[in-house]
């Protein structure tokens, strides 16, 4: 007589901490309040750097696929992080592949801020910002009919403070 014991354990989806989005805290390895030098050690030399309003500075890293990580600094400390890659996700499983309805199921307290950007022929940008949680979702659409907003980026910022738009965006 042969006895086989089969042990089953719940399957838990493992997500590398390098790709976790925690509102009001971090995206991947980059944590709010981290100094700029530490960010550069983690991510390497940025693809580019640009000035922001109020003497803030932004760095960005762009992959060969065009996906970006952007980090905004105040006095060389991280105040905002954004990603456009679907590899990053929140604890609820939200990525840039989700739609506004999916996001509203988890963040019902979203404030909408609308902007227009002049580059690349012009575009519309809507930030849906859970200000108190420290997370915003960036939807973009070409500035032509039919307007079709799709999720472009997820941003983590300081909880209780409104998301900061890119410097080339104007309120609409």
N, C-alpha and C. Protein backbone atom coordinates (compact mmCIF):
# COMPACT_ATOMS: atom_id res chain seq x y z
N UNK A 1 0.83 -1.17 0.00
CA UNK A 1 0.00 0.00 0.00
C UNK A 1 0.89 1.24 0.00
N UNK A 2 0.58 2.15 -0.87
CA UNK A 2 1.34 3.39 -1.02
C UNK A 2 0.46 4.56 -0.61
N UNK A 3 1.00 5.40 0.20
CA UNK A 3 0.26 6.61 0.60
C UNK A 3 1.01 7.83 0.09
N UNK A 4 0.25 8.69 -0.50
CA UNK A 4 0.83 9.94 -0.98
C UNK A 4 0.16 11.07 -0.23
N UNK A 5 0.95 11.89 0.31
CA UNK A 5 0.41 13.07 0.98
C UNK A 5 0.65 14.28 0.09
N UNK A 6 -0.37 14.98 -0.18
CA UNK A 6 -0.25 16.19 -0.99
C UNK A 6 -0.56 17.37 -0.09
N UNK A 7 0.39 18.24 -0.01
CA UNK A 7 0.19 19.45 0.78
C UNK A 7 -0.06 20.60 -0.18
N UNK A 8 -1.12 21.29 0.09
CA UNK A 8 -1.39 22.46 -0.74
C UNK A 8 -1.35 23.68 0.14
N UNK A 9 -0.85 24.70 -0.41
CA UNK A 9 -0.80 25.98 0.29
C UNK A 9 -1.43 27.01 -0.63
N UNK A 10 -2.00 28.03 -0.05
CA UNK A 10 -2.58 29.05 -0.91
C UNK A 10 -1.50 29.66 -1.80
N UNK A 11 -1.88 29.91 -3.02
CA UNK A 11 -0.95 30.54 -3.95
C UNK A 11 -1.03 32.05 -3.72
N UNK A 12 0.07 32.63 -3.42
CA UNK A 12 0.11 34.06 -3.17
C UNK A 12 0.91 34.71 -4.29
N UNK A 13 0.28 35.66 -4.92
CA UNK A 13 0.97 36.36 -6.00
C UNK A 13 2.11 37.17 -5.40
N UNK A 14 3.29 36.96 -5.88
CA UNK A 14 4.45 37.67 -5.37
C UNK A 14 4.73 38.85 -6.28
N UNK A 15 4.88 39.99 -5.70
CA UNK A 15 5.23 41.18 -6.46
C UNK A 15 6.51 41.73 -5.88
N UNK A 16 7.48 41.90 -6.73
CA UNK A 16 8.75 42.46 -6.29
C UNK A 16 8.52 43.85 -5.70
N UNK A 17 9.17 44.13 -4.59
CA UNK A 17 9.07 45.44 -3.97
C UNK A 17 9.58 46.54 -4.89
N UNK A 18 10.35 46.15 -5.92
CA UNK A 18 10.85 47.13 -6.89
C UNK A 18 9.73 47.73 -7.73
N UNK A 19 8.53 47.13 -7.71
CA UNK A 19 7.44 47.57 -8.57
C UNK A 19 6.15 47.89 -7.81
N UNK A 20 6.25 48.07 -6.51
CA UNK A 20 5.08 48.35 -5.68
C UNK A 20 4.84 49.86 -5.60
N UNK A 21 3.57 50.24 -5.71
CA UNK A 21 3.16 51.63 -5.52
C UNK A 21 2.43 51.72 -4.18
N UNK A 22 2.95 52.55 -3.29
CA UNK A 22 2.31 52.79 -2.00
C UNK A 22 1.96 54.28 -1.92
N UNK A 23 0.66 54.59 -1.98
CA UNK A 23 0.24 56.00 -1.96
C UNK A 23 0.85 56.77 -0.78
N UNK A 24 1.27 58.00 -1.08
CA UNK A 24 1.83 58.86 -0.05
C UNK A 24 3.18 58.42 0.46
N UNK A 25 3.79 57.39 -0.18
CA UNK A 25 5.05 56.86 0.34
C UNK A 25 6.09 56.60 -0.75
N UNK A 26 5.77 55.72 -1.71
CA UNK A 26 6.83 55.34 -2.65
C UNK A 26 6.28 54.71 -3.92
N UNK A 27 7.13 54.69 -4.91
CA UNK A 27 6.93 53.87 -6.11
C UNK A 27 8.24 53.11 -6.29
N UNK A 28 8.13 51.79 -6.25
CA UNK A 28 9.32 50.96 -6.38
C UNK A 28 10.33 51.29 -5.32
N UNK A 29 11.55 51.54 -5.74
CA UNK A 29 12.64 51.84 -4.81
C UNK A 29 12.67 53.30 -4.37
N UNK A 30 11.94 54.15 -5.08
CA UNK A 30 12.02 55.59 -4.81
C UNK A 30 10.96 55.98 -3.78
N UNK A 31 11.44 56.53 -2.67
CA UNK A 31 10.59 56.88 -1.54
C UNK A 31 10.53 58.40 -1.42
N UNK A 32 9.33 58.92 -1.10
CA UNK A 32 9.21 60.35 -0.84
C UNK A 32 10.19 60.74 0.26
N UNK A 33 10.74 61.93 0.15
CA UNK A 33 11.70 62.53 1.10
C UNK A 33 13.13 62.00 0.91
N UNK A 34 13.34 61.01 0.05
CA UNK A 34 14.70 60.53 -0.23
C UNK A 34 15.47 61.67 -0.89
N UNK A 35 16.78 61.75 -0.64
CA UNK A 35 17.52 62.83 -1.28
C UNK A 35 17.88 62.46 -2.73
N UNK A 36 18.13 63.49 -3.52
CA UNK A 36 18.35 63.32 -4.96
C UNK A 36 19.55 62.42 -5.25
N UNK A 37 20.61 62.55 -4.51
CA UNK A 37 21.80 61.72 -4.71
C UNK A 37 21.46 60.24 -4.51
N UNK A 38 20.66 59.93 -3.51
CA UNK A 38 20.25 58.55 -3.26
C UNK A 38 19.40 58.00 -4.41
N UNK A 39 18.53 58.86 -4.96
CA UNK A 39 17.72 58.44 -6.12
C UNK A 39 18.62 58.11 -7.29
N UNK A 40 19.62 58.94 -7.53
CA UNK A 40 20.54 58.69 -8.64
C UNK A 40 21.33 57.40 -8.42
N UNK A 41 21.67 57.08 -7.17
CA UNK A 41 22.35 55.81 -6.88
C UNK A 41 21.44 54.63 -7.20
N UNK A 42 20.15 54.77 -6.91
CA UNK A 42 19.19 53.69 -7.15
C UNK A 42 18.87 53.51 -8.63
N UNK A 43 18.66 54.62 -9.35
CA UNK A 43 18.17 54.55 -10.72
C UNK A 43 19.23 54.84 -11.78
N UNK A 44 20.39 55.31 -11.34
CA UNK A 44 21.43 55.67 -12.30
C UNK A 44 21.26 57.12 -12.76
N UNK A 45 22.08 57.47 -13.72
CA UNK A 45 22.05 58.84 -14.25
C UNK A 45 20.72 59.05 -14.99
N UNK A 46 20.03 60.17 -14.71
CA UNK A 46 18.76 60.41 -15.40
C UNK A 46 18.96 60.68 -16.90
N UNK A 47 17.93 60.36 -17.66
CA UNK A 47 17.93 60.67 -19.09
C UNK A 47 17.94 62.18 -19.28
N UNK A 48 17.25 62.89 -18.38
CA UNK A 48 17.19 64.34 -18.47
C UNK A 48 16.76 64.96 -17.16
N UNK A 49 16.99 66.27 -17.07
CA UNK A 49 16.63 67.06 -15.90
C UNK A 49 15.99 68.34 -16.41
N UNK A 50 14.97 68.85 -15.70
CA UNK A 50 14.33 70.07 -16.14
C UNK A 50 13.82 70.87 -14.94
N UNK A 51 13.72 72.20 -15.12
CA UNK A 51 13.25 73.05 -14.02
C UNK A 51 11.73 72.98 -13.90
N UNK A 52 11.25 73.12 -12.68
CA UNK A 52 9.81 73.16 -12.39
C UNK A 52 9.49 74.51 -11.77
N UNK A 53 8.24 74.75 -11.51
CA UNK A 53 7.83 75.98 -10.85
C UNK A 53 8.41 76.05 -9.44
N UNK A 54 8.52 77.23 -8.92
CA UNK A 54 8.96 77.48 -7.54
C UNK A 54 10.34 76.89 -7.22
N UNK A 55 11.23 76.89 -8.20
CA UNK A 55 12.60 76.39 -8.03
C UNK A 55 12.69 74.91 -7.72
N UNK A 56 11.64 74.14 -8.01
CA UNK A 56 11.72 72.69 -7.90
C UNK A 56 12.44 72.17 -9.14
N UNK A 57 12.89 70.92 -9.07
CA UNK A 57 13.61 70.30 -10.18
C UNK A 57 13.00 68.94 -10.45
N UNK A 58 13.00 68.54 -11.72
CA UNK A 58 12.52 67.22 -12.09
C UNK A 58 13.59 66.44 -12.84
N UNK A 59 13.72 65.16 -12.53
CA UNK A 59 14.57 64.23 -13.28
C UNK A 59 13.66 63.20 -13.93
N UNK A 60 14.09 62.68 -15.09
CA UNK A 60 13.34 61.57 -15.67
C UNK A 60 14.29 60.53 -16.25
N UNK A 61 13.81 59.31 -16.22
CA UNK A 61 14.51 58.16 -16.77
C UNK A 61 13.58 57.55 -17.81
N UNK A 62 14.07 57.33 -19.02
CA UNK A 62 13.23 56.78 -20.07
C UNK A 62 13.84 55.50 -20.59
N UNK A 63 13.03 54.45 -20.66
CA UNK A 63 13.50 53.16 -21.17
C UNK A 63 13.46 53.15 -22.69
N UNK A 64 14.03 52.13 -23.30
CA UNK A 64 14.02 52.02 -24.76
C UNK A 64 12.59 51.86 -25.30
N UNK A 65 11.68 51.40 -24.45
CA UNK A 65 10.28 51.24 -24.87
C UNK A 65 9.48 52.54 -24.73
N UNK A 66 10.12 53.59 -24.19
CA UNK A 66 9.46 54.87 -24.03
C UNK A 66 8.78 55.07 -22.69
N UNK A 67 8.80 54.07 -21.82
CA UNK A 67 8.21 54.20 -20.49
C UNK A 67 9.12 55.06 -19.62
N UNK A 68 8.50 55.85 -18.74
CA UNK A 68 9.31 56.78 -17.95
C UNK A 68 9.04 56.67 -16.45
N UNK A 69 10.07 57.07 -15.71
CA UNK A 69 9.96 57.35 -14.28
C UNK A 69 10.35 58.81 -14.15
N UNK A 70 9.51 59.59 -13.46
CA UNK A 70 9.80 61.01 -13.23
C UNK A 70 9.82 61.26 -11.73
N UNK A 71 10.78 62.06 -11.29
CA UNK A 71 10.90 62.38 -9.88
C UNK A 71 11.04 63.89 -9.75
N UNK A 72 10.20 64.48 -8.92
CA UNK A 72 10.26 65.91 -8.63
C UNK A 72 10.87 66.09 -7.25
N UNK A 73 11.70 67.15 -7.14
CA UNK A 73 12.41 67.42 -5.89
C UNK A 73 12.13 68.85 -5.41
N UNK A 74 12.07 69.00 -4.11
CA UNK A 74 12.08 70.30 -3.46
C UNK A 74 13.26 70.27 -2.50
N UNK A 75 14.18 71.23 -2.66
CA UNK A 75 15.40 71.28 -1.84
C UNK A 75 16.10 69.92 -1.83
N UNK A 76 16.20 69.31 -3.02
CA UNK A 76 16.88 68.02 -3.23
C UNK A 76 16.23 66.84 -2.51
N UNK A 77 14.97 66.96 -2.13
CA UNK A 77 14.22 65.85 -1.51
C UNK A 77 13.04 65.49 -2.41
N UNK A 78 12.78 64.20 -2.57
CA UNK A 78 11.69 63.73 -3.43
C UNK A 78 10.35 64.19 -2.87
N UNK A 79 9.54 64.82 -3.73
CA UNK A 79 8.19 65.23 -3.34
C UNK A 79 7.12 64.57 -4.22
N UNK A 80 7.54 64.02 -5.37
CA UNK A 80 6.56 63.38 -6.26
C UNK A 80 7.29 62.42 -7.19
N UNK A 81 6.63 61.27 -7.45
CA UNK A 81 7.19 60.22 -8.31
C UNK A 81 6.09 59.79 -9.27
N UNK A 82 6.43 59.61 -10.54
CA UNK A 82 5.44 59.09 -11.49
C UNK A 82 6.05 58.00 -12.35
N UNK A 83 5.19 57.07 -12.76
CA UNK A 83 5.60 55.97 -13.64
C UNK A 83 4.57 55.77 -14.73
N UNK A 84 5.05 55.33 -15.89
CA UNK A 84 4.15 55.03 -17.01
C UNK A 84 4.17 53.55 -17.39
N UNK A 85 4.95 52.76 -16.69
CA UNK A 85 5.06 51.33 -17.01
C UNK A 85 3.99 50.52 -16.28
N UNK A 86 3.36 49.55 -16.98
CA UNK A 86 2.38 48.68 -16.32
C UNK A 86 3.01 47.68 -15.36
N UNK A 87 4.33 47.64 -15.29
CA UNK A 87 5.00 46.73 -14.34
C UNK A 87 4.75 47.17 -12.90
N UNK A 88 4.47 48.46 -12.68
CA UNK A 88 4.24 48.98 -11.34
C UNK A 88 2.76 48.85 -11.00
N UNK A 89 2.46 48.44 -9.75
CA UNK A 89 1.06 48.33 -9.36
C UNK A 89 0.86 48.65 -7.88
N UNK A 90 -0.35 49.08 -7.58
CA UNK A 90 -0.73 49.37 -6.20
C UNK A 90 -1.07 48.05 -5.50
N UNK A 91 -1.28 48.11 -4.21
CA UNK A 91 -1.68 46.93 -3.45
C UNK A 91 -3.01 46.37 -3.92
N UNK A 92 -3.85 47.22 -4.52
CA UNK A 92 -5.13 46.78 -5.06
C UNK A 92 -4.99 46.19 -6.45
N UNK A 93 -3.76 46.25 -7.01
CA UNK A 93 -3.53 45.72 -8.35
C UNK A 93 -3.73 46.73 -9.46
N UNK A 94 -3.85 48.01 -9.14
CA UNK A 94 -4.04 49.03 -10.17
C UNK A 94 -2.73 49.34 -10.88
N UNK A 95 -2.80 49.39 -12.21
CA UNK A 95 -1.65 49.74 -13.06
C UNK A 95 -2.13 50.75 -14.10
N UNK A 96 -1.23 51.17 -14.96
CA UNK A 96 -1.62 52.09 -16.03
C UNK A 96 -2.51 51.42 -17.08
N UNK A 97 -2.78 50.15 -16.93
CA UNK A 97 -3.70 49.45 -17.84
C UNK A 97 -5.16 49.56 -17.39
N UNK A 98 -5.40 50.12 -16.21
CA UNK A 98 -6.76 50.23 -15.69
C UNK A 98 -7.48 51.44 -16.26
N UNK A 99 -8.78 51.49 -16.00
CA UNK A 99 -9.58 52.64 -16.43
C UNK A 99 -10.08 53.40 -15.21
N UNK A 100 -10.75 54.52 -15.45
CA UNK A 100 -11.20 55.36 -14.36
C UNK A 100 -12.20 54.63 -13.46
N UNK A 101 -13.06 53.84 -14.03
CA UNK A 101 -14.04 53.08 -13.23
C UNK A 101 -13.33 52.15 -12.25
N UNK A 102 -12.28 51.47 -12.70
CA UNK A 102 -11.51 50.59 -11.80
C UNK A 102 -10.93 51.38 -10.64
N UNK A 103 -10.37 52.53 -10.95
CA UNK A 103 -9.73 53.36 -9.93
C UNK A 103 -10.74 53.88 -8.92
N UNK A 104 -11.91 54.30 -9.41
CA UNK A 104 -12.93 54.84 -8.52
C UNK A 104 -13.47 53.80 -7.54
N UNK A 105 -13.34 52.52 -7.86
CA UNK A 105 -13.75 51.46 -6.93
C UNK A 105 -12.88 51.46 -5.67
N UNK A 106 -11.64 51.90 -5.82
CA UNK A 106 -10.69 51.90 -4.70
C UNK A 106 -10.46 53.28 -4.11
N UNK A 107 -10.63 54.31 -4.95
CA UNK A 107 -10.41 55.69 -4.51
C UNK A 107 -11.63 56.51 -4.92
N UNK A 108 -12.60 56.58 -4.04
CA UNK A 108 -13.84 57.30 -4.34
C UNK A 108 -13.74 58.79 -4.11
N UNK A 109 -12.66 59.23 -3.51
CA UNK A 109 -12.51 60.65 -3.14
C UNK A 109 -11.60 61.40 -4.11
N UNK A 110 -11.70 61.11 -5.39
CA UNK A 110 -10.82 61.72 -6.38
C UNK A 110 -11.23 63.16 -6.72
N UNK A 111 -10.24 64.04 -6.78
CA UNK A 111 -10.45 65.40 -7.28
C UNK A 111 -9.87 65.46 -8.69
N UNK A 112 -10.59 66.10 -9.59
CA UNK A 112 -10.16 66.18 -10.99
C UNK A 112 -9.56 67.56 -11.27
N UNK A 113 -8.36 67.55 -11.85
CA UNK A 113 -7.68 68.77 -12.27
C UNK A 113 -7.38 68.61 -13.76
N UNK A 114 -7.83 69.57 -14.58
CA UNK A 114 -7.70 69.44 -16.04
C UNK A 114 -6.70 70.44 -16.59
N UNK A 115 -5.88 69.95 -17.52
CA UNK A 115 -4.82 70.76 -18.11
C UNK A 115 -4.78 70.55 -19.62
N UNK A 116 -4.09 71.48 -20.30
CA UNK A 116 -3.79 71.38 -21.72
C UNK A 116 -2.29 71.47 -21.87
N UNK A 117 -1.72 70.62 -22.72
CA UNK A 117 -0.28 70.68 -22.98
C UNK A 117 -0.09 71.01 -24.46
N UNK A 118 0.86 71.88 -24.76
CA UNK A 118 1.06 72.36 -26.12
C UNK A 118 1.93 71.45 -26.98
N UNK A 119 2.83 70.70 -26.37
CA UNK A 119 3.76 69.87 -27.13
C UNK A 119 3.08 68.78 -27.94
N UNK A 120 3.74 68.31 -28.98
CA UNK A 120 3.27 67.20 -29.83
C UNK A 120 1.87 67.45 -30.38
N UNK A 121 1.58 68.68 -30.79
CA UNK A 121 0.29 68.97 -31.39
C UNK A 121 -0.81 69.26 -30.40
N UNK A 122 -0.50 69.23 -29.14
CA UNK A 122 -1.49 69.55 -28.12
C UNK A 122 -2.18 68.32 -27.58
N UNK A 123 -2.51 68.38 -26.32
CA UNK A 123 -3.19 67.26 -25.70
C UNK A 123 -3.93 67.69 -24.46
N UNK A 124 -4.86 66.85 -24.05
CA UNK A 124 -5.64 67.10 -22.85
C UNK A 124 -5.16 66.16 -21.75
N UNK A 125 -5.10 66.68 -20.54
CA UNK A 125 -4.62 65.89 -19.41
C UNK A 125 -5.59 66.10 -18.24
N UNK A 126 -6.05 65.01 -17.68
CA UNK A 126 -6.87 65.05 -16.47
C UNK A 126 -6.15 64.29 -15.37
N UNK A 127 -5.92 64.98 -14.27
CA UNK A 127 -5.39 64.33 -13.08
C UNK A 127 -6.57 63.98 -12.18
N UNK A 128 -6.69 62.73 -11.81
CA UNK A 128 -7.69 62.30 -10.83
C UNK A 128 -6.89 61.99 -9.57
N UNK A 129 -7.00 62.89 -8.61
CA UNK A 129 -6.08 62.93 -7.47
C UNK A 129 -6.80 62.58 -6.16
N UNK A 130 -6.34 61.54 -5.51
CA UNK A 130 -6.78 61.22 -4.15
C UNK A 130 -5.83 61.96 -3.23
N UNK A 131 -6.06 63.26 -3.07
CA UNK A 131 -5.15 64.17 -2.39
C UNK A 131 -4.77 63.66 -1.01
N UNK A 132 -5.74 63.26 -0.20
CA UNK A 132 -5.46 62.83 1.18
C UNK A 132 -4.65 61.54 1.23
N UNK A 133 -4.76 60.71 0.19
CA UNK A 133 -4.02 59.45 0.15
C UNK A 133 -2.61 59.61 -0.44
N UNK A 134 -2.42 60.67 -1.25
CA UNK A 134 -1.12 60.88 -1.87
C UNK A 134 -0.91 60.06 -3.14
N UNK A 135 -1.97 59.92 -3.95
CA UNK A 135 -1.85 59.21 -5.22
C UNK A 135 -2.74 59.88 -6.25
N UNK A 136 -2.23 59.98 -7.48
CA UNK A 136 -2.99 60.57 -8.58
C UNK A 136 -2.84 59.69 -9.81
N UNK A 137 -3.85 59.77 -10.66
CA UNK A 137 -3.88 58.98 -11.88
C UNK A 137 -4.02 59.95 -13.05
N UNK A 138 -3.10 59.86 -14.01
CA UNK A 138 -3.01 60.82 -15.10
C UNK A 138 -3.62 60.21 -16.36
N UNK A 139 -4.70 60.84 -16.82
CA UNK A 139 -5.37 60.40 -18.05
C UNK A 139 -5.07 61.42 -19.14
N UNK A 140 -4.76 60.94 -20.34
CA UNK A 140 -4.44 61.83 -21.45
C UNK A 140 -5.31 61.50 -22.65
N UNK A 141 -5.49 62.52 -23.50
CA UNK A 141 -6.23 62.36 -24.74
C UNK A 141 -5.69 63.37 -25.75
N UNK A 142 -5.66 63.00 -27.04
CA UNK A 142 -5.33 64.01 -28.05
C UNK A 142 -6.39 65.12 -27.99
N UNK A 143 -6.01 66.32 -28.38
CA UNK A 143 -6.93 67.45 -28.38
C UNK A 143 -7.70 67.49 -29.69
N UNK A 144 -8.51 66.47 -29.90
CA UNK A 144 -9.36 66.40 -31.10
C UNK A 144 -10.52 65.46 -30.80
N UNK A 145 -11.55 65.59 -31.59
CA UNK A 145 -12.72 64.73 -31.42
C UNK A 145 -12.47 63.39 -32.09
N UNK A 146 -12.91 62.29 -31.57
CA UNK A 146 -13.55 62.19 -30.27
C UNK A 146 -12.49 62.18 -29.16
N UNK A 147 -12.79 62.87 -28.07
CA UNK A 147 -11.89 62.89 -26.92
C UNK A 147 -11.95 61.51 -26.27
N UNK A 148 -10.79 60.90 -26.07
CA UNK A 148 -10.73 59.54 -25.52
C UNK A 148 -9.59 59.47 -24.51
N UNK A 149 -9.93 59.64 -23.24
CA UNK A 149 -8.93 59.65 -22.18
C UNK A 149 -8.52 58.23 -21.81
N UNK A 150 -7.20 57.99 -21.76
CA UNK A 150 -6.67 56.71 -21.29
C UNK A 150 -5.65 56.98 -20.19
N UNK A 151 -5.53 56.03 -19.28
CA UNK A 151 -4.58 56.18 -18.18
C UNK A 151 -3.16 56.11 -18.72
N UNK A 152 -2.39 57.14 -18.41
CA UNK A 152 -1.02 57.26 -18.91
C UNK A 152 0.01 57.02 -17.81
N UNK A 153 -0.25 57.54 -16.61
CA UNK A 153 0.75 57.46 -15.53
C UNK A 153 0.06 57.39 -14.18
N UNK A 154 0.80 56.87 -13.21
CA UNK A 154 0.38 56.89 -11.81
C UNK A 154 1.42 57.69 -11.05
N UNK A 155 0.94 58.57 -10.19
CA UNK A 155 1.82 59.47 -9.43
C UNK A 155 1.61 59.26 -7.93
N UNK A 156 2.71 59.21 -7.21
CA UNK A 156 2.67 59.24 -5.75
C UNK A 156 3.23 60.59 -5.32
N UNK A 157 2.51 61.25 -4.43
CA UNK A 157 2.94 62.56 -3.92
C UNK A 157 2.66 62.61 -2.43
N UNK A 158 3.05 63.71 -1.81
CA UNK A 158 2.84 63.87 -0.38
C UNK A 158 1.34 63.88 -0.06
N UNK A 159 0.93 63.04 0.87
CA UNK A 159 -0.47 62.97 1.27
C UNK A 159 -0.92 64.33 1.79
N UNK A 160 -2.12 64.72 1.39
CA UNK A 160 -2.66 66.00 1.83
C UNK A 160 -2.30 67.16 0.94
N UNK A 161 -1.40 66.95 -0.03
CA UNK A 161 -1.00 68.00 -0.96
C UNK A 161 -1.40 67.61 -2.37
N UNK A 162 -1.89 68.56 -3.12
CA UNK A 162 -2.33 68.35 -4.49
C UNK A 162 -1.17 67.92 -5.39
N UNK A 163 -1.45 67.07 -6.37
CA UNK A 163 -0.46 66.66 -7.35
C UNK A 163 0.10 67.88 -8.08
N UNK A 164 1.36 67.81 -8.45
CA UNK A 164 2.02 68.91 -9.17
C UNK A 164 2.08 68.56 -10.66
N UNK A 165 1.49 69.40 -11.53
CA UNK A 165 1.53 69.11 -12.97
C UNK A 165 2.93 69.36 -13.55
N UNK A 166 3.12 68.88 -14.76
CA UNK A 166 4.37 69.14 -15.49
C UNK A 166 4.41 70.65 -15.85
N UNK A 167 5.61 71.21 -16.04
CA UNK A 167 5.72 72.65 -16.26
C UNK A 167 5.12 73.13 -17.58
N UNK A 168 4.94 72.25 -18.56
CA UNK A 168 4.39 72.69 -19.84
C UNK A 168 2.87 72.53 -19.92
N UNK A 169 2.22 72.22 -18.80
CA UNK A 169 0.77 72.05 -18.77
C UNK A 169 0.10 73.30 -18.23
N UNK A 170 -0.97 73.70 -18.90
CA UNK A 170 -1.73 74.89 -18.52
C UNK A 170 -3.14 74.48 -18.11
N UNK A 171 -3.67 75.07 -17.02
CA UNK A 171 -5.06 74.74 -16.63
C UNK A 171 -6.03 75.03 -17.77
N UNK A 172 -7.06 74.21 -17.87
CA UNK A 172 -8.09 74.47 -18.89
C UNK A 172 -9.45 74.54 -18.24
